[in-house]
């Protein structure tokens, strides 16, 4: 096992359906219906992906396809932190994440729970201000706010050691 303390956590905003036509088409239909119901303009949809590099190892949390989709991220990776303690916390809390049925609002958070929800919950649970993170341009990440709400309710946004992370948010 390597003893290096090099660490990084990066967030990627990947256009929904990157690398596949079916997901892209269904996402556009979903967004058209949501926009009509909410009396607003349609927006681009994004899938959040999180990578954690720690001690010479890379962990990928919920990238649709780790082999290619990260390269399709808009704006490249957004560096959240280089603090090894926060990176370890991000990995440690994965096992404690909520596990409701995806695509439903079983936790009554105001929107469906999905991979974006989990990423938002993890980032908030690691003590980083996830509420400051937003998809590029006029985009949106369905489920992101559900993750923030569940983290807020459960106190997951308060790290157990009381040590809050500073959001670095730099494009690397």
N, C-alpha and C. Protein backbone atom coordinates (compact mmCIF):
# COMPACT_ATOMS: atom_id res chain seq x y z
N UNK A 1 0.85 -1.19 0.00
CA UNK A 1 0.00 0.00 0.00
C UNK A 1 0.88 1.24 0.00
N UNK A 2 0.52 2.18 -0.84
CA UNK A 2 1.30 3.40 -0.93
C UNK A 2 0.99 4.32 0.24
N UNK A 3 1.98 5.08 0.65
CA UNK A 3 1.78 5.97 1.79
C UNK A 3 1.69 7.44 1.39
N UNK A 4 1.66 7.71 0.10
CA UNK A 4 1.54 9.09 -0.37
C UNK A 4 0.25 9.71 0.15
N UNK A 5 0.31 10.99 0.38
CA UNK A 5 -0.90 11.68 0.84
C UNK A 5 -1.52 12.52 -0.27
N UNK A 6 -1.10 12.27 -1.52
CA UNK A 6 -1.69 13.00 -2.65
C UNK A 6 -3.17 12.67 -2.75
N UNK A 7 -3.96 13.69 -2.92
CA UNK A 7 -5.41 13.48 -2.97
C UNK A 7 -6.05 14.52 -3.89
N UNK A 8 -7.16 14.15 -4.46
CA UNK A 8 -7.97 15.07 -5.25
C UNK A 8 -9.37 14.49 -5.37
N UNK A 9 -10.35 15.35 -5.35
CA UNK A 9 -11.73 14.96 -5.65
C UNK A 9 -12.20 15.91 -6.75
N UNK A 10 -12.66 15.33 -7.84
CA UNK A 10 -13.09 16.11 -8.99
C UNK A 10 -14.53 15.79 -9.35
N UNK A 11 -15.27 16.81 -9.71
CA UNK A 11 -16.65 16.67 -10.16
C UNK A 11 -16.67 16.95 -11.66
N UNK A 12 -17.39 16.13 -12.38
CA UNK A 12 -17.55 16.30 -13.82
C UNK A 12 -19.03 16.48 -14.13
N UNK A 13 -19.33 17.36 -15.06
CA UNK A 13 -20.70 17.53 -15.55
C UNK A 13 -20.74 16.95 -16.96
N UNK A 14 -21.37 15.80 -17.09
CA UNK A 14 -21.43 15.09 -18.36
C UNK A 14 -22.82 15.28 -18.96
N UNK A 15 -22.90 15.70 -20.21
CA UNK A 15 -24.23 15.84 -20.83
C UNK A 15 -24.98 14.51 -20.79
N UNK A 16 -26.22 14.57 -20.39
CA UNK A 16 -27.02 13.35 -20.31
C UNK A 16 -27.05 12.67 -21.67
N UNK A 17 -26.74 11.41 -21.69
CA UNK A 17 -26.76 10.64 -22.92
C UNK A 17 -25.45 10.63 -23.67
N UNK A 18 -24.40 11.14 -23.05
CA UNK A 18 -23.09 11.12 -23.72
C UNK A 18 -22.77 9.68 -24.12
N UNK A 19 -22.48 9.50 -25.38
CA UNK A 19 -22.11 8.17 -25.86
C UNK A 19 -23.29 7.28 -26.21
N UNK A 20 -24.54 7.75 -26.09
CA UNK A 20 -25.68 6.90 -26.42
C UNK A 20 -26.89 7.70 -26.83
N UNK A 21 -27.56 7.27 -27.88
CA UNK A 21 -28.69 8.03 -28.41
C UNK A 21 -29.97 7.81 -27.62
N UNK A 22 -30.20 6.61 -27.10
CA UNK A 22 -31.44 6.30 -26.39
C UNK A 22 -31.60 7.15 -25.14
N UNK A 23 -30.56 7.22 -24.32
CA UNK A 23 -30.63 8.01 -23.10
C UNK A 23 -30.80 9.49 -23.43
N UNK A 24 -30.09 9.96 -24.44
CA UNK A 24 -30.18 11.36 -24.85
C UNK A 24 -31.61 11.69 -25.27
N UNK A 25 -32.21 10.84 -26.11
CA UNK A 25 -33.58 11.08 -26.59
C UNK A 25 -34.56 11.06 -25.42
N UNK A 26 -34.48 10.02 -24.58
CA UNK A 26 -35.40 9.92 -23.45
C UNK A 26 -35.23 11.08 -22.47
N UNK A 27 -34.00 11.53 -22.31
CA UNK A 27 -33.75 12.69 -21.44
C UNK A 27 -34.38 13.95 -21.99
N UNK A 28 -34.33 14.12 -23.30
CA UNK A 28 -34.95 15.30 -23.92
C UNK A 28 -36.47 15.27 -23.76
N UNK A 29 -37.05 14.09 -23.91
CA UNK A 29 -38.49 13.96 -23.71
C UNK A 29 -38.84 14.27 -22.25
N UNK A 30 -38.09 13.70 -21.31
CA UNK A 30 -38.30 13.95 -19.88
C UNK A 30 -38.23 15.45 -19.59
N UNK A 31 -37.19 16.11 -20.08
CA UNK A 31 -37.02 17.54 -19.82
C UNK A 31 -38.12 18.37 -20.46
N UNK A 32 -38.57 18.00 -21.65
CA UNK A 32 -39.66 18.72 -22.31
C UNK A 32 -40.93 18.65 -21.46
N UNK A 33 -41.22 17.48 -20.93
CA UNK A 33 -42.41 17.31 -20.08
C UNK A 33 -42.26 18.11 -18.79
N UNK A 34 -41.09 18.00 -18.14
CA UNK A 34 -40.85 18.74 -16.89
C UNK A 34 -40.97 20.25 -17.13
N UNK A 35 -40.37 20.73 -18.21
CA UNK A 35 -40.41 22.16 -18.50
C UNK A 35 -41.85 22.63 -18.74
N UNK A 36 -42.62 21.84 -19.47
CA UNK A 36 -44.01 22.20 -19.72
C UNK A 36 -44.81 22.24 -18.43
N UNK A 37 -44.63 21.25 -17.59
CA UNK A 37 -45.35 21.19 -16.31
C UNK A 37 -44.97 22.34 -15.38
N UNK A 38 -43.72 22.78 -15.47
CA UNK A 38 -43.23 23.85 -14.58
C UNK A 38 -43.26 25.23 -15.25
N UNK A 39 -43.83 25.29 -16.47
CA UNK A 39 -43.96 26.55 -17.20
C UNK A 39 -42.63 27.30 -17.31
N UNK A 40 -41.63 26.58 -17.80
CA UNK A 40 -40.31 27.17 -17.97
C UNK A 40 -39.70 26.67 -19.28
N UNK A 41 -38.61 27.26 -19.67
CA UNK A 41 -37.91 26.83 -20.88
C UNK A 41 -37.16 25.53 -20.61
N UNK A 42 -36.98 24.75 -21.66
CA UNK A 42 -36.19 23.53 -21.55
C UNK A 42 -34.73 23.88 -21.27
N UNK A 43 -34.08 22.98 -20.53
CA UNK A 43 -32.67 23.18 -20.20
C UNK A 43 -31.88 21.93 -20.57
N UNK A 44 -30.59 22.08 -20.71
CA UNK A 44 -29.73 20.92 -20.96
C UNK A 44 -29.62 20.12 -19.67
N UNK A 45 -29.61 18.79 -19.79
CA UNK A 45 -29.52 17.93 -18.62
C UNK A 45 -28.11 17.38 -18.48
N UNK A 46 -27.68 17.28 -17.23
CA UNK A 46 -26.33 16.80 -16.93
C UNK A 46 -26.35 15.68 -15.90
N UNK A 47 -25.36 14.83 -16.04
CA UNK A 47 -25.11 13.75 -15.11
C UNK A 47 -23.82 14.11 -14.38
N UNK A 48 -23.87 14.11 -13.06
CA UNK A 48 -22.67 14.39 -12.28
C UNK A 48 -21.86 13.11 -12.11
N UNK A 49 -20.56 13.23 -12.21
CA UNK A 49 -19.66 12.11 -11.95
C UNK A 49 -18.59 12.63 -10.98
N UNK A 50 -18.17 11.77 -10.10
CA UNK A 50 -17.20 12.15 -9.08
C UNK A 50 -16.04 11.18 -9.11
N UNK A 51 -14.83 11.71 -9.15
CA UNK A 51 -13.66 10.86 -9.01
C UNK A 51 -12.90 11.29 -7.77
N UNK A 52 -12.33 10.31 -7.11
CA UNK A 52 -11.49 10.58 -5.94
C UNK A 52 -10.16 9.88 -6.17
N UNK A 53 -9.10 10.67 -6.17
CA UNK A 53 -7.74 10.13 -6.26
C UNK A 53 -7.13 10.21 -4.88
N UNK A 54 -6.65 9.08 -4.39
CA UNK A 54 -6.10 9.03 -3.04
C UNK A 54 -5.01 7.99 -2.96
N UNK A 55 -3.87 8.39 -2.50
CA UNK A 55 -2.74 7.49 -2.30
C UNK A 55 -2.42 6.65 -3.54
N UNK A 56 -2.47 7.29 -4.69
CA UNK A 56 -2.10 6.61 -5.93
C UNK A 56 -3.20 5.76 -6.55
N UNK A 57 -4.39 5.79 -6.01
CA UNK A 57 -5.51 5.02 -6.55
C UNK A 57 -6.62 5.97 -6.98
N UNK A 58 -7.34 5.58 -8.03
CA UNK A 58 -8.48 6.38 -8.49
C UNK A 58 -9.76 5.60 -8.24
N UNK A 59 -10.69 6.29 -7.63
CA UNK A 59 -12.02 5.74 -7.37
C UNK A 59 -13.00 6.56 -8.17
N UNK A 60 -13.87 5.90 -8.90
CA UNK A 60 -14.87 6.60 -9.70
C UNK A 60 -16.23 6.30 -9.11
N UNK A 61 -16.94 7.35 -8.79
CA UNK A 61 -18.29 7.22 -8.24
C UNK A 61 -19.30 7.62 -9.30
N UNK A 62 -19.98 6.66 -9.83
CA UNK A 62 -21.14 6.88 -10.68
C UNK A 62 -20.88 7.59 -11.99
N UNK A 63 -19.76 7.34 -12.59
CA UNK A 63 -19.59 7.81 -13.96
C UNK A 63 -20.32 6.82 -14.85
N UNK A 64 -21.10 7.29 -15.82
CA UNK A 64 -21.87 6.36 -16.66
C UNK A 64 -20.97 5.33 -17.34
N UNK A 65 -19.83 5.76 -17.81
CA UNK A 65 -18.88 4.85 -18.44
C UNK A 65 -17.49 5.39 -18.16
N UNK A 66 -16.79 4.83 -17.18
CA UNK A 66 -15.50 5.40 -16.80
C UNK A 66 -14.48 5.42 -17.92
N UNK A 67 -14.68 4.62 -18.96
CA UNK A 67 -13.70 4.57 -20.04
C UNK A 67 -13.79 5.75 -20.99
N UNK A 68 -14.95 6.38 -21.14
CA UNK A 68 -15.04 7.42 -22.15
C UNK A 68 -15.81 8.65 -21.77
N UNK A 69 -16.80 8.51 -20.89
CA UNK A 69 -17.70 9.64 -20.66
C UNK A 69 -17.04 10.81 -19.93
N UNK A 70 -16.03 10.56 -19.11
CA UNK A 70 -15.38 11.66 -18.41
C UNK A 70 -14.75 12.63 -19.41
N UNK A 71 -14.30 12.12 -20.54
CA UNK A 71 -13.71 12.97 -21.57
C UNK A 71 -14.76 13.89 -22.21
N UNK A 72 -16.04 13.54 -22.09
CA UNK A 72 -17.11 14.35 -22.68
C UNK A 72 -17.65 15.40 -21.71
N UNK A 73 -17.06 15.49 -20.52
CA UNK A 73 -17.51 16.45 -19.52
C UNK A 73 -17.36 17.87 -20.05
N UNK A 74 -18.35 18.68 -19.80
CA UNK A 74 -18.31 20.08 -20.22
C UNK A 74 -17.41 20.85 -19.24
N UNK A 75 -16.42 21.50 -19.78
CA UNK A 75 -15.52 22.28 -18.95
C UNK A 75 -14.44 21.47 -18.25
N UNK A 76 -14.41 20.18 -18.47
CA UNK A 76 -13.40 19.33 -17.82
C UNK A 76 -13.70 19.15 -16.35
N UNK A 77 -12.75 18.57 -15.62
CA UNK A 77 -13.00 18.32 -14.20
C UNK A 77 -13.00 19.61 -13.38
N UNK A 78 -13.84 19.63 -12.38
CA UNK A 78 -13.91 20.74 -11.43
C UNK A 78 -13.32 20.23 -10.12
N UNK A 79 -12.16 20.73 -9.76
CA UNK A 79 -11.47 20.26 -8.55
C UNK A 79 -12.21 20.73 -7.31
N UNK A 80 -12.66 19.79 -6.49
CA UNK A 80 -13.38 20.12 -5.27
C UNK A 80 -12.45 20.27 -4.08
N UNK A 81 -11.43 19.41 -4.02
CA UNK A 81 -10.51 19.46 -2.89
C UNK A 81 -9.24 18.69 -3.21
N UNK A 82 -8.18 19.03 -2.50
CA UNK A 82 -6.94 18.25 -2.53
C UNK A 82 -6.60 17.80 -1.11
N UNK A 83 -7.53 17.96 -0.21
CA UNK A 83 -7.33 17.58 1.19
C UNK A 83 -7.51 16.06 1.35
N UNK A 84 -6.47 15.33 1.76
CA UNK A 84 -6.58 13.86 1.90
C UNK A 84 -7.66 13.43 2.90
N UNK A 85 -7.87 14.20 3.95
CA UNK A 85 -8.89 13.83 4.93
C UNK A 85 -10.29 13.90 4.33
N UNK A 86 -10.53 14.90 3.53
CA UNK A 86 -11.84 15.03 2.89
C UNK A 86 -12.02 13.93 1.85
N UNK A 87 -10.96 13.62 1.10
CA UNK A 87 -11.03 12.53 0.12
C UNK A 87 -11.34 11.21 0.81
N UNK A 88 -10.71 10.95 1.93
CA UNK A 88 -10.99 9.72 2.69
C UNK A 88 -12.42 9.71 3.20
N UNK A 89 -12.89 10.87 3.66
CA UNK A 89 -14.26 10.96 4.15
C UNK A 89 -15.25 10.68 3.03
N UNK A 90 -14.99 11.23 1.83
CA UNK A 90 -15.85 10.96 0.68
C UNK A 90 -15.99 9.47 0.43
N UNK A 91 -14.87 8.76 0.47
CA UNK A 91 -14.91 7.32 0.23
C UNK A 91 -15.56 6.57 1.39
N UNK A 92 -15.33 7.02 2.61
CA UNK A 92 -15.86 6.31 3.78
C UNK A 92 -17.38 6.39 3.87
N UNK A 93 -17.96 7.50 3.47
CA UNK A 93 -19.40 7.66 3.65
C UNK A 93 -20.22 6.98 2.56
N UNK A 94 -19.58 6.48 1.53
CA UNK A 94 -20.32 5.78 0.47
C UNK A 94 -21.19 4.67 1.06
N UNK A 95 -20.65 3.94 2.01
CA UNK A 95 -21.37 2.81 2.61
C UNK A 95 -22.58 3.25 3.44
N UNK A 96 -22.66 4.52 3.80
CA UNK A 96 -23.78 5.00 4.61
C UNK A 96 -24.81 5.79 3.81
N UNK A 97 -24.63 5.83 2.51
CA UNK A 97 -25.53 6.61 1.66
C UNK A 97 -26.95 6.05 1.67
N UNK A 98 -27.94 6.93 1.55
CA UNK A 98 -29.33 6.47 1.44
C UNK A 98 -29.50 5.59 0.20
N UNK A 99 -30.42 4.65 0.28
CA UNK A 99 -30.63 3.72 -0.84
C UNK A 99 -32.10 3.60 -1.24
N UNK A 100 -32.77 4.72 -1.46
CA UNK A 100 -34.16 4.62 -1.94
C UNK A 100 -34.18 4.13 -3.38
N UNK A 101 -35.35 3.79 -3.86
CA UNK A 101 -35.51 3.38 -5.25
C UNK A 101 -35.20 4.58 -6.15
N UNK A 102 -34.33 4.36 -7.14
CA UNK A 102 -33.97 5.43 -8.06
C UNK A 102 -35.14 5.76 -8.96
N UNK A 103 -35.29 7.05 -9.26
CA UNK A 103 -36.36 7.50 -10.14
C UNK A 103 -37.64 7.82 -9.40
N UNK A 104 -37.61 7.69 -8.09
CA UNK A 104 -38.79 8.01 -7.28
C UNK A 104 -38.40 8.99 -6.18
N UNK A 105 -39.38 9.59 -5.56
CA UNK A 105 -39.14 10.52 -4.46
C UNK A 105 -39.59 9.90 -3.15
N UNK A 106 -39.09 8.72 -2.84
CA UNK A 106 -39.46 8.02 -1.60
C UNK A 106 -39.04 8.79 -0.35
N UNK A 107 -38.02 9.61 -0.45
CA UNK A 107 -37.54 10.36 0.71
C UNK A 107 -38.22 11.73 0.84
N UNK A 108 -39.16 11.98 -0.05
CA UNK A 108 -39.92 13.23 -0.06
C UNK A 108 -38.99 14.46 -0.03
N UNK A 109 -38.05 14.44 -0.96
CA UNK A 109 -37.07 15.52 -1.06
C UNK A 109 -37.42 16.52 -2.15
N UNK A 110 -38.54 16.30 -2.83
CA UNK A 110 -38.99 17.24 -3.84
C UNK A 110 -38.66 16.86 -5.26
N UNK A 111 -37.83 15.85 -5.45
CA UNK A 111 -37.54 15.34 -6.79
C UNK A 111 -37.00 13.93 -6.66
N UNK A 112 -36.93 13.26 -7.80
CA UNK A 112 -36.51 11.86 -7.80
C UNK A 112 -35.08 11.68 -7.29
N UNK A 113 -34.83 10.52 -6.71
CA UNK A 113 -33.49 10.15 -6.26
C UNK A 113 -32.80 9.42 -7.41
N UNK A 114 -31.58 9.81 -7.70
CA UNK A 114 -30.81 9.17 -8.76
C UNK A 114 -29.32 9.34 -8.50
N UNK A 115 -28.51 9.10 -9.50
CA UNK A 115 -27.06 9.20 -9.32
C UNK A 115 -26.63 10.62 -8.97
N UNK A 116 -27.31 11.62 -9.53
CA UNK A 116 -26.98 13.00 -9.16
C UNK A 116 -27.26 13.26 -7.69
N UNK A 117 -28.34 12.67 -7.18
CA UNK A 117 -28.68 12.82 -5.77
C UNK A 117 -27.57 12.25 -4.90
N UNK A 118 -27.10 11.07 -5.28
CA UNK A 118 -26.06 10.42 -4.49
C UNK A 118 -24.77 11.23 -4.50
N UNK A 119 -24.38 11.75 -5.65
CA UNK A 119 -23.17 12.56 -5.72
C UNK A 119 -23.31 13.81 -4.84
N UNK A 120 -24.46 14.50 -4.93
CA UNK A 120 -24.68 15.69 -4.11
C UNK A 120 -24.63 15.32 -2.63
N UNK A 121 -25.25 14.20 -2.27
CA UNK A 121 -25.24 13.75 -0.87
C UNK A 121 -23.82 13.46 -0.40
N UNK A 122 -23.02 12.82 -1.24
CA UNK A 122 -21.63 12.50 -0.87
C UNK A 122 -20.81 13.77 -0.69
N UNK A 123 -20.92 14.70 -1.62
CA UNK A 123 -20.14 15.93 -1.54
C UNK A 123 -20.53 16.71 -0.29
N UNK A 124 -21.84 16.82 -0.04
CA UNK A 124 -22.30 17.52 1.16
C UNK A 124 -21.87 16.77 2.41
N UNK A 125 -21.97 15.45 2.38
CA UNK A 125 -21.60 14.64 3.54
C UNK A 125 -20.12 14.69 3.87
N UNK A 126 -19.30 15.01 2.88
CA UNK A 126 -17.87 15.15 3.11
C UNK A 126 -17.53 16.52 3.70
N UNK A 127 -18.55 17.35 3.84
CA UNK A 127 -18.33 18.65 4.44
C UNK A 127 -18.04 19.75 3.44
N UNK A 128 -18.22 19.47 2.16
CA UNK A 128 -18.01 20.49 1.14
C UNK A 128 -19.33 21.18 0.82
N UNK A 129 -19.31 22.46 0.51
CA UNK A 129 -20.55 23.19 0.22
C UNK A 129 -21.12 22.84 -1.16
N UNK A 130 -21.74 21.69 -1.24
CA UNK A 130 -22.27 21.18 -2.51
C UNK A 130 -23.34 22.08 -3.10
N UNK A 131 -23.99 22.88 -2.28
CA UNK A 131 -25.04 23.77 -2.78
C UNK A 131 -24.48 24.86 -3.70
N UNK A 132 -23.18 25.05 -3.71
CA UNK A 132 -22.56 26.03 -4.59
C UNK A 132 -22.26 25.48 -5.97
N UNK A 133 -22.37 24.18 -6.14
CA UNK A 133 -22.04 23.54 -7.41
C UNK A 133 -23.26 23.51 -8.32
N UNK A 134 -23.08 23.94 -9.55
CA UNK A 134 -24.18 23.94 -10.51
C UNK A 134 -23.68 23.47 -11.86
N UNK A 135 -24.55 22.85 -12.63
CA UNK A 135 -24.16 22.41 -13.98
C UNK A 135 -23.83 23.61 -14.86
N UNK A 136 -23.14 23.36 -15.95
CA UNK A 136 -22.74 24.44 -16.86
C UNK A 136 -23.93 25.15 -17.50
N UNK A 137 -23.68 26.40 -17.86
CA UNK A 137 -24.64 27.18 -18.64
C UNK A 137 -26.03 27.20 -18.07
N UNK A 138 -26.98 26.91 -18.93
CA UNK A 138 -28.37 26.90 -18.49
C UNK A 138 -28.83 25.48 -18.20
N UNK A 139 -27.91 24.64 -17.84
CA UNK A 139 -28.23 23.24 -17.59
C UNK A 139 -28.77 22.99 -16.20
N UNK A 140 -29.24 21.76 -16.02
CA UNK A 140 -29.68 21.32 -14.70
C UNK A 140 -29.35 19.85 -14.53
N UNK A 141 -29.25 19.42 -13.29
CA UNK A 141 -28.92 18.04 -12.97
C UNK A 141 -30.07 17.48 -12.14
N UNK A 142 -31.07 16.86 -12.78
CA UNK A 142 -32.21 16.33 -12.03
C UNK A 142 -31.74 15.42 -10.90
N UNK A 143 -32.31 15.63 -9.73
CA UNK A 143 -31.96 14.82 -8.57
C UNK A 143 -30.93 15.46 -7.66
N UNK A 144 -30.17 16.43 -8.14
CA UNK A 144 -29.12 17.06 -7.35
C UNK A 144 -29.70 17.67 -6.07
N UNK A 145 -30.78 18.43 -6.21
CA UNK A 145 -31.37 19.08 -5.04
C UNK A 145 -31.92 18.07 -4.04
N UNK A 146 -32.37 16.91 -4.51
CA UNK A 146 -32.84 15.87 -3.59
C UNK A 146 -31.69 15.40 -2.70
N UNK A 147 -30.51 15.23 -3.27
CA UNK A 147 -29.35 14.82 -2.48
C UNK A 147 -28.98 15.86 -1.44
N UNK A 148 -29.05 17.13 -1.83
CA UNK A 148 -28.75 18.20 -0.88
C UNK A 148 -29.77 18.25 0.25
N UNK A 149 -31.05 18.07 -0.10
CA UNK A 149 -32.11 18.11 0.91
C UNK A 149 -31.97 16.95 1.90
N UNK A 150 -31.72 15.76 1.40
CA UNK A 150 -31.58 14.60 2.29
C UNK A 150 -30.35 14.75 3.18
N UNK A 151 -29.27 15.29 2.63
CA UNK A 151 -28.06 15.54 3.43
C UNK A 151 -28.36 16.57 4.52
N UNK A 152 -29.08 17.62 4.16
CA UNK A 152 -29.42 18.66 5.13
C UNK A 152 -30.27 18.10 6.27
N UNK A 153 -31.29 17.33 5.90
CA UNK A 153 -32.19 16.76 6.90
C UNK A 153 -31.49 15.80 7.85
N UNK A 154 -30.61 14.99 7.29
CA UNK A 154 -29.98 13.94 8.09
C UNK A 154 -28.76 14.42 8.85
N UNK A 155 -28.35 15.65 8.59
CA UNK A 155 -27.14 16.14 9.22
C UNK A 155 -25.89 15.62 8.54
N UNK A 156 -26.05 14.94 7.40
CA UNK A 156 -24.90 14.38 6.69
C UNK A 156 -23.98 15.48 6.18
N UNK A 157 -24.51 16.70 6.10
CA UNK A 157 -23.68 17.80 5.62
C UNK A 157 -22.72 18.29 6.70
N UNK A 158 -22.87 17.78 7.92
CA UNK A 158 -21.96 18.14 9.00
C UNK A 158 -21.00 16.99 9.22
N UNK A 159 -19.72 17.15 8.85
CA UNK A 159 -18.77 16.06 9.01
C UNK A 159 -18.63 15.67 10.47
N UNK A 160 -18.46 14.36 10.75
CA UNK A 160 -18.40 13.88 12.12
C UNK A 160 -17.26 14.48 12.93
N UNK A 161 -16.17 14.85 12.28
CA UNK A 161 -15.05 15.43 13.01
C UNK A 161 -15.18 16.95 13.14
N UNK A 162 -16.29 17.50 12.64
CA UNK A 162 -16.52 18.93 12.72
C UNK A 162 -15.67 19.75 11.76
N UNK A 163 -14.87 19.10 10.98
CA UNK A 163 -13.94 19.79 10.07
C UNK A 163 -14.59 19.96 8.71
N UNK A 164 -14.99 21.17 8.40
CA UNK A 164 -15.63 21.45 7.12
C UNK A 164 -14.58 21.69 6.06
N UNK A 165 -14.88 21.22 4.89
CA UNK A 165 -13.95 21.41 3.78
C UNK A 165 -14.17 22.75 3.10
N UNK A 166 -13.12 23.22 2.49
CA UNK A 166 -13.18 24.45 1.70
C UNK A 166 -13.29 24.02 0.26
N UNK A 167 -14.27 24.53 -0.41
CA UNK A 167 -14.48 24.18 -1.81
C UNK A 167 -13.47 24.93 -2.66
N UNK A 168 -12.63 24.17 -3.36
CA UNK A 168 -11.59 24.81 -4.16
C UNK A 168 -12.12 25.21 -5.54
N UNK A 169 -12.99 24.43 -6.12
CA UNK A 169 -13.58 24.64 -7.43
C UNK A 169 -12.65 25.35 -8.41
N UNK A 170 -11.79 24.57 -8.96
CA UNK A 170 -10.89 25.06 -10.01
C UNK A 170 -10.96 24.05 -11.14
N UNK A 171 -10.94 24.50 -12.36
CA UNK A 171 -10.91 23.59 -13.48
C UNK A 171 -9.48 23.14 -13.69
N UNK A 172 -9.32 21.82 -13.76
CA UNK A 172 -7.96 21.27 -13.91
C UNK A 172 -7.78 20.66 -15.27
